[in-house]
Amino acid sequence: MITKHQLVIDFPEYEEKIHTLKIENAHFRKLFDSYDDLDHEIYNIESDADPKSDDVLNKLRKDRVRLKDEIYTFLKNN
């Protein structure tokens, strides 16, 4: 099943913190927006709204995992 990977669903224990940091921390907001844009791009490819090669899709998925790791580390440390 094709779904979006929303951070508040993946990290429900940080839902309030995510919301607060999006408003109060420019660096986190940039990370969040980058993740959201990347996730939307992947979703469009997976749903065939914007077909791309498997190589492109796999690279984007790896980028999303890397960015999610960075966001998780930020959430834990701030």
PDB file of N, CA and C in Angstrom:
ATOM      1  N   MET A   1       0.839  -1.182   0.000  1.00  0.00           N
ATOM      2  CA  MET A   1       0.000   0.000   0.000  1.00  0.00           C
ATOM      3  C   MET A   1       0.884   1.246   0.000  1.00  0.00           C
ATOM      4  N   ILE A   2       0.527   2.187  -0.815  1.00  0.00           N
ATOM      5  CA  ILE A   2       1.269   3.426  -0.941  1.00  0.00           C
ATOM      6  C   ILE A   2       0.731   4.423   0.085  1.00  0.00           C
ATOM      7  N   THR A   3       1.623   4.888   0.958  1.00  0.00           N
ATOM      8  CA  THR A   3       1.222   5.854   1.983  1.00  0.00           C
ATOM      9  C   THR A   3       2.291   6.916   2.132  1.00  0.00           C
ATOM     10  N   LYS A   4       1.889   8.014   2.723  1.00  0.00           N
ATOM     11  CA  LYS A   4       2.854   9.039   3.093  1.00  0.00           C
ATOM     12  C   LYS A   4       3.452   8.658   4.433  1.00  0.00           C
ATOM     13  N   HIS A   5       4.653   9.112   4.685  1.00  0.00           N
ATOM     14  CA  HIS A   5       5.373   8.796   5.919  1.00  0.00           C
ATOM     15  C   HIS A   5       5.455  10.060   6.772  1.00  0.00           C
ATOM     16  N   GLN A   6       4.349  10.397   7.389  1.00  0.00           N
ATOM     17  CA  GLN A   6       4.299  11.606   8.201  1.00  0.00           C
ATOM     18  C   GLN A   6       5.081  11.411   9.502  1.00  0.00           C
ATOM     19  N   LEU A   7       5.826  12.426   9.869  1.00  0.00           N
ATOM     20  CA  LEU A   7       6.671  12.332  11.053  1.00  0.00           C
ATOM     21  C   LEU A   7       5.872  12.139  12.336  1.00  0.00           C
ATOM     22  N   VAL A   8       4.712  12.777  12.441  1.00  0.00           N
ATOM     23  CA  VAL A   8       3.921  12.624  13.672  1.00  0.00           C
ATOM     24  C   VAL A   8       3.357  11.217  13.810  1.00  0.00           C
ATOM     25  N   ILE A   9       3.250  10.504  12.720  1.00  0.00           N
ATOM     26  CA  ILE A   9       2.806   9.103  12.775  1.00  0.00           C
ATOM     27  C   ILE A   9       4.000   8.205  13.101  1.00  0.00           C
ATOM     28  N   ASP A  10       5.136   8.506  12.507  1.00  0.00           N
ATOM     29  CA  ASP A  10       6.339   7.709  12.770  1.00  0.00           C
ATOM     30  C   ASP A  10       6.915   7.962  14.161  1.00  0.00           C
ATOM     31  N   PHE A  11       6.720   9.174  14.676  1.00  0.00           N
ATOM     32  CA  PHE A  11       7.238   9.545  15.998  1.00  0.00           C
ATOM     33  C   PHE A  11       6.115  10.125  16.859  1.00  0.00           C
ATOM     34  N   PRO A  12       5.114   9.329  17.198  1.00  0.00           N
ATOM     35  CA  PRO A  12       3.963   9.880  17.942  1.00  0.00           C
ATOM     36  C   PRO A  12       4.350  10.443  19.309  1.00  0.00           C
ATOM     37  N   GLU A  13       5.405   9.918  19.900  1.00  0.00           N
ATOM     38  CA  GLU A  13       5.840  10.416  21.203  1.00  0.00           C
ATOM     39  C   GLU A  13       6.403  11.834  21.127  1.00  0.00           C
ATOM     40  N   TYR A  14       6.705  12.306  19.923  1.00  0.00           N
ATOM     41  CA  TYR A  14       7.251  13.647  19.722  1.00  0.00           C
ATOM     42  C   TYR A  14       6.269  14.588  19.024  1.00  0.00           C
ATOM     43  N   GLU A  15       5.008  14.230  18.969  1.00  0.00           N
ATOM     44  CA  GLU A  15       4.031  15.024  18.216  1.00  0.00           C
ATOM     45  C   GLU A  15       4.001  16.490  18.666  1.00  0.00           C
ATOM     46  N   GLU A  16       3.895  16.730  19.962  1.00  0.00           N
ATOM     47  CA  GLU A  16       3.861  18.110  20.459  1.00  0.00           C
ATOM     48  C   GLU A  16       5.178  18.826  20.189  1.00  0.00           C
ATOM     49  N   LYS A  17       6.270  18.127  20.399  1.00  0.00           N
ATOM     50  CA  LYS A  17       7.585  18.718  20.182  1.00  0.00           C
ATOM     51  C   LYS A  17       7.782  19.088  18.719  1.00  0.00           C
ATOM     52  N   ILE A  18       7.330  18.233  17.821  1.00  0.00           N
ATOM     53  CA  ILE A  18       7.432  18.520  16.386  1.00  0.00           C
ATOM     54  C   ILE A  18       6.662  19.798  16.063  1.00  0.00           C
ATOM     55  N   HIS A  19       5.459  19.892  16.564  1.00  0.00           N
ATOM     56  CA  HIS A  19       4.631  21.074  16.311  1.00  0.00           C
ATOM     57  C   HIS A  19       5.309  22.339  16.849  1.00  0.00           C
ATOM     58  N   THR A  20       5.811  22.278  18.067  1.00  0.00           N
ATOM     59  CA  THR A  20       6.465  23.431  18.686  1.00  0.00           C
ATOM     60  C   THR A  20       7.731  23.826  17.933  1.00  0.00           C
ATOM     61  N   LEU A  21       8.551  22.846  17.609  1.00  0.00           N
ATOM     62  CA  LEU A  21       9.803  23.144  16.915  1.00  0.00           C
ATOM     63  C   LEU A  21       9.568  23.702  15.515  1.00  0.00           C
ATOM     64  N   LYS A  22       8.525  23.258  14.848  1.00  0.00           N
ATOM     65  CA  LYS A  22       8.212  23.812  13.520  1.00  0.00           C
ATOM     66  C   LYS A  22       7.955  25.312  13.611  1.00  0.00           C
ATOM     67  N   ILE A  23       7.389  25.746  14.716  1.00  0.00           N
ATOM     68  CA  ILE A  23       7.057  27.162  14.903  1.00  0.00           C
ATOM     69  C   ILE A  23       8.246  27.954  15.428  1.00  0.00           C
ATOM     70  N   GLU A  24       8.999  27.355  16.355  1.00  0.00           N
ATOM     71  CA  GLU A  24      10.002  28.110  17.099  1.00  0.00           C
ATOM     72  C   GLU A  24      11.445  27.934  16.641  1.00  0.00           C
ATOM     73  N   ASN A  25      11.729  26.941  15.804  1.00  0.00           N
ATOM     74  CA  ASN A  25      13.115  26.654  15.448  1.00  0.00           C
ATOM     75  C   ASN A  25      13.266  26.597  13.924  1.00  0.00           C
ATOM     76  N   ALA A  26      13.965  27.572  13.375  1.00  0.00           N
ATOM     77  CA  ALA A  26      14.109  27.677  11.917  1.00  0.00           C
ATOM     78  C   ALA A  26      14.837  26.471  11.321  1.00  0.00           C
ATOM     79  N   HIS A  27      15.857  25.972  12.021  1.00  0.00           N
ATOM     80  CA  HIS A  27      16.595  24.818  11.504  1.00  0.00           C
ATOM     81  C   HIS A  27      15.688  23.584  11.440  1.00  0.00           C
ATOM     82  N   PHE A  28      14.930  23.350  12.490  1.00  0.00           N
ATOM     83  CA  PHE A  28      14.022  22.203  12.483  1.00  0.00           C
ATOM     84  C   PHE A  28      12.956  22.368  11.411  1.00  0.00           C
ATOM     85  N   ARG A  29      12.428  23.576  11.274  1.00  0.00           N
ATOM     86  CA  ARG A  29      11.410  23.822  10.246  1.00  0.00           C
ATOM     87  C   ARG A  29      11.957  23.493   8.858  1.00  0.00           C
ATOM     88  N   LYS A  30      13.222  23.848   8.621  1.00  0.00           N
ATOM     89  CA  LYS A  30      13.846  23.543   7.326  1.00  0.00           C
ATOM     90  C   LYS A  30      13.964  22.032   7.129  1.00  0.00           C
ATOM     91  N   LEU A  31      14.410  21.314   8.183  1.00  0.00           N
ATOM     92  CA  LEU A  31      14.485  19.858   8.107  1.00  0.00           C
ATOM     93  C   LEU A  31      13.104  19.255   7.842  1.00  0.00           C
ATOM     94  N   PHE A  32      12.118  19.723   8.592  1.00  0.00           N
ATOM     95  CA  PHE A  32      10.755  19.211   8.460  1.00  0.00           C
ATOM     96  C   PHE A  32      10.222  19.451   7.050  1.00  0.00           C
ATOM     97  N   ASP A  33      10.377  20.671   6.556  1.00  0.00           N
ATOM     98  CA  ASP A  33       9.883  20.995   5.210  1.00  0.00           C
ATOM     99  C   ASP A  33      10.598  20.182   4.132  1.00  0.00           C
ATOM    100  N   SER A  34      11.898  19.982   4.290  1.00  0.00           N
ATOM    101  CA  SER A  34      12.654  19.166   3.332  1.00  0.00           C
ATOM    102  C   SER A  34      12.146  17.730   3.340  1.00  0.00           C
ATOM    103  N   TYR A  35      11.919  17.204   4.545  1.00  0.00           N
ATOM    104  CA  TYR A  35      11.399  15.844   4.669  1.00  0.00           C
ATOM    105  C   TYR A  35      10.012  15.746   4.031  1.00  0.00           C
ATOM    106  N   ASP A  36       9.156  16.703   4.328  1.00  0.00           N
ATOM    107  CA  ASP A  36       7.788  16.695   3.806  1.00  0.00           C
ATOM    108  C   ASP A  36       7.794  16.773   2.273  1.00  0.00           C
ATOM    109  N   ASP A  37       8.630  17.639   1.713  1.00  0.00           N
ATOM    110  CA  ASP A  37       8.733  17.756   0.251  1.00  0.00           C
ATOM    111  C   ASP A  37       9.232  16.453  -0.374  1.00  0.00           C
ATOM    112  N   LEU A  38      10.240  15.864   0.232  1.00  0.00           N
ATOM    113  CA  LEU A  38      10.801  14.608  -0.260  1.00  0.00           C
ATOM    114  C   LEU A  38       9.778  13.480  -0.175  1.00  0.00           C
ATOM    115  N   ASP A  39       9.072  13.412   0.925  1.00  0.00           N
ATOM    116  CA  ASP A  39       8.047  12.387   1.096  1.00  0.00           C
ATOM    117  C   ASP A  39       6.942  12.551   0.059  1.00  0.00           C
ATOM    118  N   HIS A  40       6.558  13.784  -0.211  1.00  0.00           N
ATOM    119  CA  HIS A  40       5.530  14.052  -1.221  1.00  0.00           C
ATOM    120  C   HIS A  40       6.020  13.631  -2.614  1.00  0.00           C
ATOM    121  N   GLU A  41       7.272  13.912  -2.912  1.00  0.00           N
ATOM    122  CA  GLU A  41       7.851  13.520  -4.204  1.00  0.00           C
ATOM    123  C   GLU A  41       7.850  11.992  -4.352  1.00  0.00           C
ATOM    124  N   ILE A  42       8.239  11.290  -3.308  1.00  0.00           N
ATOM    125  CA  ILE A  42       8.252   9.825  -3.325  1.00  0.00           C
ATOM    126  C   ILE A  42       6.828   9.283  -3.502  1.00  0.00           C
ATOM    127  N   TYR A  43       5.896   9.864  -2.778  1.00  0.00           N
ATOM    128  CA  TYR A  43       4.506   9.439  -2.878  1.00  0.00           C
ATOM    129  C   TYR A  43       3.996   9.595  -4.316  1.00  0.00           C
ATOM    130  N   ASN A  44       4.314  10.712  -4.944  1.00  0.00           N
ATOM    131  CA  ASN A  44       3.875  10.929  -6.331  1.00  0.00           C
ATOM    132  C   ASN A  44       4.484   9.911  -7.289  1.00  0.00           C
ATOM    133  N   ILE A  45       5.721   9.550  -7.072  1.00  0.00           N
ATOM    134  CA  ILE A  45       6.370   8.550  -7.922  1.00  0.00           C
ATOM    135  C   ILE A  45       5.731   7.186  -7.694  1.00  0.00           C
ATOM    136  N   GLU A  46       5.562   6.810  -6.428  1.00  0.00           N
ATOM    137  CA  GLU A  46       4.979   5.496  -6.108  1.00  0.00           C
ATOM    138  C   GLU A  46       3.543   5.352  -6.598  1.00  0.00           C
ATOM    139  N   SER A  47       2.815   6.452  -6.629  1.00  0.00           N
ATOM    140  CA  SER A  47       1.418   6.394  -7.080  1.00  0.00           C
ATOM    141  C   SER A  47       1.278   6.646  -8.581  1.00  0.00           C
ATOM    142  N   ASP A  48       2.410   6.702  -9.277  1.00  0.00           N
ATOM    143  CA  ASP A  48       2.474   6.897 -10.730  1.00  0.00           C
ATOM    144  C   ASP A  48       1.960   8.254 -11.199  1.00  0.00           C
ATOM    145  N   ALA A  49       1.851   9.210 -10.296  1.00  0.00           N
ATOM    146  CA  ALA A  49       1.479  10.565 -10.694  1.00  0.00           C
ATOM    147  C   ALA A  49       2.664  11.260 -11.372  1.00  0.00           C
ATOM    148  N   ASP A  50       3.877  10.828 -11.031  1.00  0.00           N
ATOM    149  CA  ASP A  50       5.107  11.382 -11.597  1.00  0.00           C
ATOM    150  C   ASP A  50       6.120  10.252 -11.753  1.00  0.00           C
ATOM    151  N   PRO A  51       5.933   9.393 -12.746  1.00  0.00           N
ATOM    152  CA  PRO A  51       6.789   8.210 -12.889  1.00  0.00           C
ATOM    153  C   PRO A  51       8.270   8.565 -13.048  1.00  0.00           C
ATOM    154  N   LYS A  52       9.102   7.798 -12.374  1.00  0.00           N
ATOM    155  CA  LYS A  52      10.561   7.923 -12.462  1.00  0.00           C
ATOM    156  C   LYS A  52      11.150   6.514 -12.455  1.00  0.00           C
ATOM    157  N   SER A  53      12.428   6.425 -12.721  1.00  0.00           N
ATOM    158  CA  SER A  53      13.095   5.123 -12.723  1.00  0.00           C
ATOM    159  C   SER A  53      13.223   4.590 -11.298  1.00  0.00           C
ATOM    160  N   ASP A  54      13.441   3.290 -11.194  1.00  0.00           N
ATOM    161  CA  ASP A  54      13.641   2.673  -9.877  1.00  0.00           C
ATOM    162  C   ASP A  54      14.888   3.232  -9.198  1.00  0.00           C
ATOM    163  N   ASP A  55      15.911   3.533  -9.967  1.00  0.00           N
ATOM    164  CA  ASP A  55      17.131   4.098  -9.391  1.00  0.00           C
ATOM    165  C   ASP A  55      16.860   5.447  -8.724  1.00  0.00           C
ATOM    166  N   VAL A  56      16.085   6.269  -9.386  1.00  0.00           N
ATOM    167  CA  VAL A  56      15.731   7.578  -8.827  1.00  0.00           C
ATOM    168  C   VAL A  56      14.912   7.395  -7.557  1.00  0.00           C
ATOM    169  N   LEU A  57      13.915   6.524  -7.609  1.00  0.00           N
ATOM    170  CA  LEU A  57      13.062   6.278  -6.453  1.00  0.00           C
ATOM    171  C   LEU A  57      13.875   5.741  -5.271  1.00  0.00           C
ATOM    172  N   ASN A  58      14.763   4.812  -5.524  1.00  0.00           N
ATOM    173  CA  ASN A  58      15.589   4.253  -4.446  1.00  0.00           C
ATOM    174  C   ASN A  58      16.502   5.300  -3.829  1.00  0.00           C
ATOM    175  N   LYS A  59      17.067   6.177  -4.646  1.00  0.00           N
ATOM    176  CA  LYS A  59      17.904   7.255  -4.115  1.00  0.00           C
ATOM    177  C   LYS A  59      17.075   8.174  -3.223  1.00  0.00           C
ATOM    178  N   LEU A  60      15.889   8.532  -3.665  1.00  0.00           N
ATOM    179  CA  LEU A  60      15.027   9.406  -2.869  1.00  0.00           C
ATOM    180  C   LEU A  60      14.629   8.744  -1.555  1.00  0.00           C
ATOM    181  N   ARG A  61      14.355   7.461  -1.595  1.00  0.00           N
ATOM    182  CA  ARG A  61      14.015   6.738  -0.361  1.00  0.00           C
ATOM    183  C   ARG A  61      15.188   6.746   0.620  1.00  0.00           C
ATOM    184  N   LYS A  62      16.396   6.566   0.112  1.00  0.00           N
ATOM    185  CA  LYS A  62      17.579   6.615   0.978  1.00  0.00           C
ATOM    186  C   LYS A  62      17.757   8.010   1.567  1.00  0.00           C
ATOM    187  N   ASP A  63      17.512   9.026   0.754  1.00  0.00           N
ATOM    188  CA  ASP A  63      17.599  10.408   1.239  1.00  0.00           C
ATOM    189  C   ASP A  63      16.566  10.652   2.343  1.00  0.00           C
ATOM    190  N   ARG A  64      15.367  10.088   2.183  1.00  0.00           N
ATOM    191  CA  ARG A  64      14.317  10.257   3.183  1.00  0.00           C
ATOM    192  C   ARG A  64      14.718   9.591   4.495  1.00  0.00           C
ATOM    193  N   VAL A  65      15.293   8.408   4.432  1.00  0.00           N
ATOM    194  CA  VAL A  65      15.740   7.714   5.643  1.00  0.00           C
ATOM    195  C   VAL A  65      16.835   8.520   6.339  1.00  0.00           C
ATOM    196  N   ARG A  66      17.784   9.034   5.581  1.00  0.00           N
ATOM    197  CA  ARG A  66      18.866   9.838   6.153  1.00  0.00           C
ATOM    198  C   ARG A  66      18.299  11.078   6.842  1.00  0.00           C
ATOM    199  N   LEU A  67      17.368  11.738   6.186  1.00  0.00           N
ATOM    200  CA  LEU A  67      16.762  12.939   6.741  1.00  0.00           C
ATOM    201  C   LEU A  67      15.917  12.613   7.977  1.00  0.00           C
ATOM    202  N   LYS A  68      15.210  11.489   7.937  1.00  0.00           N
ATOM    203  CA  LYS A  68      14.419  11.077   9.098  1.00  0.00           C
ATOM    204  C   LYS A  68      15.333  10.794  10.285  1.00  0.00           C
ATOM    205  N   ASP A  69      16.470  10.174  10.045  1.00  0.00           N
ATOM    206  CA  ASP A  69      17.448   9.932  11.111  1.00  0.00           C
ATOM    207  C   ASP A  69      17.941  11.248  11.704  1.00  0.00           C
ATOM    208  N   GLU A  70      18.212  12.212  10.850  1.00  0.00           N
ATOM    209  CA  GLU A  70      18.672  13.520  11.314  1.00  0.00           C
ATOM    210  C   GLU A  70      17.592  14.208  12.154  1.00  0.00           C
ATOM    211  N   ILE A  71      16.359  14.111  11.712  1.00  0.00           N
ATOM    212  CA  ILE A  71      15.246  14.704  12.458  1.00  0.00           C
ATOM    213  C   ILE A  71      15.076  14.013  13.802  1.00  0.00           C
ATOM    214  N   TYR A  72      15.158  12.690  13.825  1.00  0.00           N
ATOM    215  CA  TYR A  72      15.016  11.949  15.081  1.00  0.00           C
ATOM    216  C   TYR A  72      16.119  12.342  16.065  1.00  0.00           C
ATOM    217  N   THR A  73      17.325  12.464  15.580  1.00  0.00           N
ATOM    218  CA  THR A  73      18.434  12.876  16.433  1.00  0.00           C
ATOM    219  C   THR A  73      18.189  14.291  16.983  1.00  0.00           C
ATOM    220  N   PHE A  74      17.696  15.162  16.148  1.00  0.00           N
ATOM    221  CA  PHE A  74      17.386  16.518  16.577  1.00  0.00           C
ATOM    222  C   PHE A  74      16.307  16.498  17.656  1.00  0.00           C
ATOM    223  N   LEU A  75      15.268  15.708  17.449  1.00  0.00           N
ATOM    224  CA  LEU A  75      14.180  15.620  18.431  1.00  0.00           C
ATOM    225  C   LEU A  75      14.685  15.091  19.774  1.00  0.00           C
ATOM    226  N   LYS A  76      15.536  14.103  19.738  1.00  0.00           N
ATOM    227  CA  LYS A  76      16.065  13.515  20.977  1.00  0.00           C
ATOM    228  C   LYS A  76      16.949  14.506  21.743  1.00  0.00           C
ATOM    229  N   ASN A  77      17.691  15.323  21.022  1.00  0.00           N
ATOM    230  CA  ASN A  77      18.701  16.178  21.644  1.00  0.00           C
ATOM    231  C   ASN A  77      18.235  17.595  21.946  1.00  0.00           C
ATOM    232  N   ASN A  78      17.014  17.949  21.587  1.00  0.00           N
ATOM    233  CA  ASN A  78      16.544  19.317  21.800  1.00  0.00           C
ATOM    234  C   ASN A  78      15.242  19.331  22.570  1.00  0.00           C
TER     235      ASN A  78
END
